[in-house]
Amino acid sequence: MHKLSRRHVIATLSASSVMLCPALLNAQVTHDWGGDVPENVPLGQDQLLMLGAGPASVEVTALTPGQVAVLGRPTTDPEYSDTDMIQYVAVMRRTDAQVAFGATNDRPGTVQDPRYYVANLVCPHRGKALGITGNPDAPFACTDQGRRHGSIFDATGFGIAGASDTEYMSIPSYAMEITESGGAVSKAVSNLA
């Protein structure tokens, strides 16, 4: 029978830590917006469209995989007090990898077309605006990067780091409409409320 020395145990633990390292790195995702950024508006979107109050319909056909359009609209919902009473909604055209990830990880009933992810850009932690990071594995992050904030979300809206770890981004009421006319296909987010 072999005896384990203290040195052997420490060496074994170090080797185990190396094996766990990729999992730990994935859990410790960070994003630095750099400099002083406003916390009341989203950042990094490809397009921003400000809408009036009430239901709306916005065509999103032109979005290419990886692009994100943000729709802003006034609201009286106090959940949006930290975003100056503007509800910002992200419409992200998912990449093929994000569609595949969503196929096994999307919450039931939240995604109407797997090629598009639609979510409110308000952090569940303290109501600050969420921005678009450009990282396909962690496309959304809170603009408040303070020591006890820094929430980051994956392509299904699930919190993977920061204060909103294991929480989901909220989903607005909407309908995804796909129409075909003369061979052309059109996609729109409608009944946005």
Protein backbone atom coordinates (compact mmCIF):
# COMPACT_ATOMS: atom_id res chain seq x y z
CA MET A 1 0.00 0.00 0.00
CA HIS A 2 1.33 3.44 -0.96
CA LYS A 3 1.24 6.25 1.53
CA LEU A 4 0.27 9.69 0.35
CA SER A 5 2.58 12.41 1.48
CA ARG A 6 1.49 16.03 1.97
CA ARG A 7 3.55 16.94 -1.07
CA HIS A 8 1.73 14.33 -3.20
CA VAL A 9 -1.68 15.66 -2.10
CA ILE A 10 -0.71 19.26 -2.94
CA ALA A 11 0.63 18.19 -6.35
CA THR A 12 -2.55 16.21 -7.03
CA LEU A 13 -4.77 19.14 -6.03
CA SER A 14 -2.80 21.47 -8.28
CA ALA A 15 -3.21 19.06 -11.18
CA SER A 16 -6.96 18.84 -10.47
CA SER A 17 -7.21 22.60 -10.41
CA VAL A 18 -5.66 22.77 -13.86
CA MET A 19 -8.27 20.32 -15.11
CA LEU A 20 -11.07 22.45 -13.63
CA CYS A 21 -9.61 25.70 -14.92
CA PRO A 22 -11.63 25.91 -18.20
CA ALA A 23 -14.90 25.52 -16.28
CA LEU A 24 -13.84 28.18 -13.79
CA LEU A 25 -12.82 30.53 -16.58
CA ASN A 26 -16.20 30.17 -18.25
CA ALA A 27 -17.93 31.02 -14.97
CA GLN A 28 -15.70 34.09 -14.43
CA VAL A 29 -16.66 35.99 -17.59
CA THR A 30 -15.96 39.70 -17.32
CA HIS A 31 -16.58 42.68 -19.55
CA ASP A 32 -14.99 46.10 -19.29
CA TRP A 33 -16.78 48.89 -21.13
CA GLY A 34 -13.70 51.04 -20.63
CA GLY A 35 -13.87 54.61 -19.35
CA ASP A 36 -16.88 56.32 -17.88
CA VAL A 37 -20.09 55.01 -19.48
CA PRO A 38 -23.69 56.05 -18.85
CA GLU A 39 -25.73 53.47 -16.97
CA ASN A 40 -29.13 54.63 -18.22
CA VAL A 41 -28.77 53.75 -21.94
CA PRO A 42 -27.62 50.62 -23.78
CA LEU A 43 -24.25 50.54 -25.56
CA GLY A 44 -22.83 48.64 -28.53
CA GLN A 45 -25.94 48.07 -30.62
CA ASP A 46 -25.81 48.06 -34.43
CA GLN A 47 -29.00 50.11 -34.73
CA LEU A 48 -31.17 52.19 -32.37
CA LEU A 49 -34.76 53.02 -33.20
CA MET A 50 -36.79 55.23 -30.88
CA LEU A 51 -40.52 54.50 -31.01
CA GLY A 52 -43.57 56.23 -29.62
CA ALA A 53 -45.73 54.85 -26.84
CA GLY A 54 -48.16 52.05 -27.63
CA PRO A 55 -47.92 48.84 -29.62
CA ALA A 56 -45.42 48.85 -32.47
CA SER A 57 -44.18 46.71 -35.34
CA VAL A 58 -40.57 46.82 -36.53
CA GLU A 59 -39.14 44.94 -39.49
CA VAL A 60 -35.90 43.13 -38.65
CA THR A 61 -35.23 41.37 -41.98
CA ALA A 62 -32.05 43.37 -42.64
CA LEU A 63 -30.28 42.17 -39.47
CA THR A 64 -27.42 39.79 -40.25
CA PRO A 65 -26.27 37.05 -37.84
CA GLY A 66 -24.61 38.63 -34.81
CA GLN A 67 -26.23 42.05 -35.26
CA VAL A 68 -28.41 43.64 -32.59
CA ALA A 69 -31.03 46.34 -33.06
CA VAL A 70 -32.33 48.20 -30.01
CA LEU A 71 -35.85 49.56 -29.87
CA GLY A 72 -36.52 52.31 -27.34
CA ARG A 73 -39.96 53.44 -26.24
CA PRO A 74 -41.34 55.53 -23.40
CA THR A 75 -43.00 53.67 -20.55
CA THR A 76 -44.67 54.37 -17.22
CA ASP A 77 -43.42 51.09 -15.73
CA PRO A 78 -41.31 51.94 -12.63
CA GLU A 79 -38.98 49.02 -13.51
CA TYR A 80 -37.44 51.44 -16.04
CA SER A 81 -36.81 54.37 -13.69
CA ASP A 82 -33.02 53.88 -13.98
CA THR A 83 -33.25 54.03 -17.79
CA ASP A 84 -35.08 57.38 -17.73
CA MET A 85 -38.49 55.70 -18.20
CA ILE A 86 -37.43 54.27 -21.57
CA GLN A 87 -37.93 50.57 -22.22
CA TYR A 88 -35.03 49.38 -24.38
CA VAL A 89 -35.64 46.10 -26.21
CA ALA A 90 -32.88 44.17 -27.97
CA VAL A 91 -33.58 42.19 -31.12
CA MET A 92 -30.52 40.01 -31.71
CA ARG A 93 -30.16 38.00 -34.91
CA ARG A 94 -28.42 34.92 -33.61
CA THR A 95 -25.43 33.28 -35.22
CA ASP A 96 -25.63 29.59 -36.12
CA ALA A 97 -23.70 28.74 -32.94
CA GLN A 98 -26.13 30.82 -30.83
CA VAL A 99 -29.12 29.13 -32.49
CA ALA A 100 -27.62 25.72 -31.64
CA PHE A 101 -26.90 26.83 -28.05
CA GLY A 102 -30.45 28.18 -27.73
CA ALA A 103 -31.96 24.92 -29.00
CA THR A 104 -30.95 23.24 -25.74
CA ASN A 105 -30.85 26.24 -23.38
CA ASP A 106 -33.70 28.64 -24.22
CA ARG A 107 -36.40 28.92 -21.58
CA PRO A 108 -39.63 27.40 -22.88
CA GLY A 109 -42.02 29.99 -24.29
CA THR A 110 -39.52 32.86 -24.48
CA VAL A 111 -38.21 32.53 -28.06
CA GLN A 112 -40.68 32.58 -30.93
CA ASP A 113 -38.11 32.16 -33.73
CA PRO A 114 -34.78 30.54 -32.78
CA ARG A 115 -32.91 32.86 -35.17
CA TYR A 116 -33.92 35.92 -33.11
CA TYR A 117 -33.57 36.65 -29.42
CA VAL A 118 -35.78 39.46 -28.10
CA ALA A 119 -35.27 40.78 -24.55
CA ASN A 120 -35.55 43.88 -22.38
CA LEU A 121 -32.20 45.60 -21.83
CA VAL A 122 -32.69 46.17 -18.12
CA CYS A 123 -30.50 44.44 -15.57
CA PRO A 124 -32.48 42.30 -13.11
CA HIS A 125 -30.08 43.32 -10.33
CA ARG A 126 -30.70 47.07 -10.05
CA GLY A 127 -32.46 48.15 -13.25
CA LYS A 128 -29.45 49.66 -15.02
CA ALA A 129 -29.25 49.45 -18.81
CA LEU A 130 -27.70 46.40 -20.44
CA GLY A 131 -25.37 46.83 -23.39
CA ILE A 132 -24.23 44.65 -26.26
CA THR A 133 -20.68 43.35 -25.76
CA GLY A 134 -19.85 41.92 -29.18
CA ASN A 135 -18.92 38.59 -27.51
CA PRO A 136 -21.13 35.88 -29.07
CA ASP A 137 -20.87 33.71 -25.93
CA ALA A 138 -21.79 36.58 -23.59
CA PRO A 139 -23.55 39.19 -25.75
CA PHE A 140 -25.18 41.25 -22.97
CA ALA A 141 -23.62 43.03 -19.97
CA CYS A 142 -24.75 45.57 -17.41
CA THR A 143 -23.43 49.08 -17.99
CA ASP A 144 -22.84 49.33 -14.22
CA GLN A 145 -19.50 47.58 -13.84
CA GLY A 146 -19.10 48.46 -10.18
CA ARG A 147 -17.58 45.96 -7.78
CA ARG A 148 -20.94 44.43 -6.76
CA HIS A 149 -22.65 44.72 -10.14
CA GLY A 150 -21.15 43.67 -13.50
CA SER A 151 -23.86 41.24 -14.63
CA ILE A 152 -23.17 39.36 -17.87
CA PHE A 153 -25.67 37.27 -19.84
CA ASP A 154 -25.36 34.55 -22.48
CA ALA A 155 -27.28 34.31 -25.79
CA THR A 156 -30.34 32.91 -23.97
CA GLY A 157 -30.48 35.82 -21.51
CA PHE A 158 -29.16 33.71 -18.63
CA GLY A 159 -26.88 35.47 -16.13
CA ILE A 160 -23.43 33.85 -16.21
CA ALA A 161 -21.49 36.36 -14.08
CA GLY A 162 -21.92 39.32 -11.77
CA ALA A 163 -24.77 40.23 -9.46
CA SER A 164 -27.41 38.66 -11.75
CA ASP A 165 -25.63 35.32 -11.94
CA THR A 166 -28.26 32.58 -12.54
CA GLU A 167 -31.04 35.13 -13.22
CA TYR A 168 -32.64 35.74 -16.60
CA MET A 169 -33.14 38.94 -18.57
CA SER A 170 -36.83 39.83 -18.83
CA ILE A 171 -38.75 39.22 -22.05
CA PRO A 172 -41.21 41.81 -23.40
CA SER A 173 -44.60 40.94 -24.77
CA TYR A 174 -44.11 40.60 -28.55
CA ALA A 175 -44.93 38.52 -31.62
CA MET A 176 -42.51 37.45 -34.35
CA GLU A 177 -44.23 37.66 -37.71
CA ILE A 178 -42.77 36.10 -40.84
CA THR A 179 -44.52 36.91 -44.10
CA GLU A 180 -43.80 35.86 -47.67
CA SER A 181 -44.81 37.94 -50.67
CA GLY A 182 -43.65 37.30 -54.22
CA GLY A 183 -40.81 35.06 -53.02
CA ALA A 184 -39.47 37.66 -50.55
CA VAL A 185 -39.52 36.80 -46.86
CA SER A 186 -40.04 39.55 -44.32
CA LYS A 187 -39.55 39.27 -40.53
CA ALA A 188 -40.95 41.71 -38.00
CA VAL A 189 -41.23 42.07 -34.26
CA SER A 190 -44.78 43.23 -33.71
CA ASN A 191 -47.33 43.85 -30.98
CA LEU A 192 -44.42 45.02 -28.87
CA ALA A 193 -45.86 46.10 -25.55
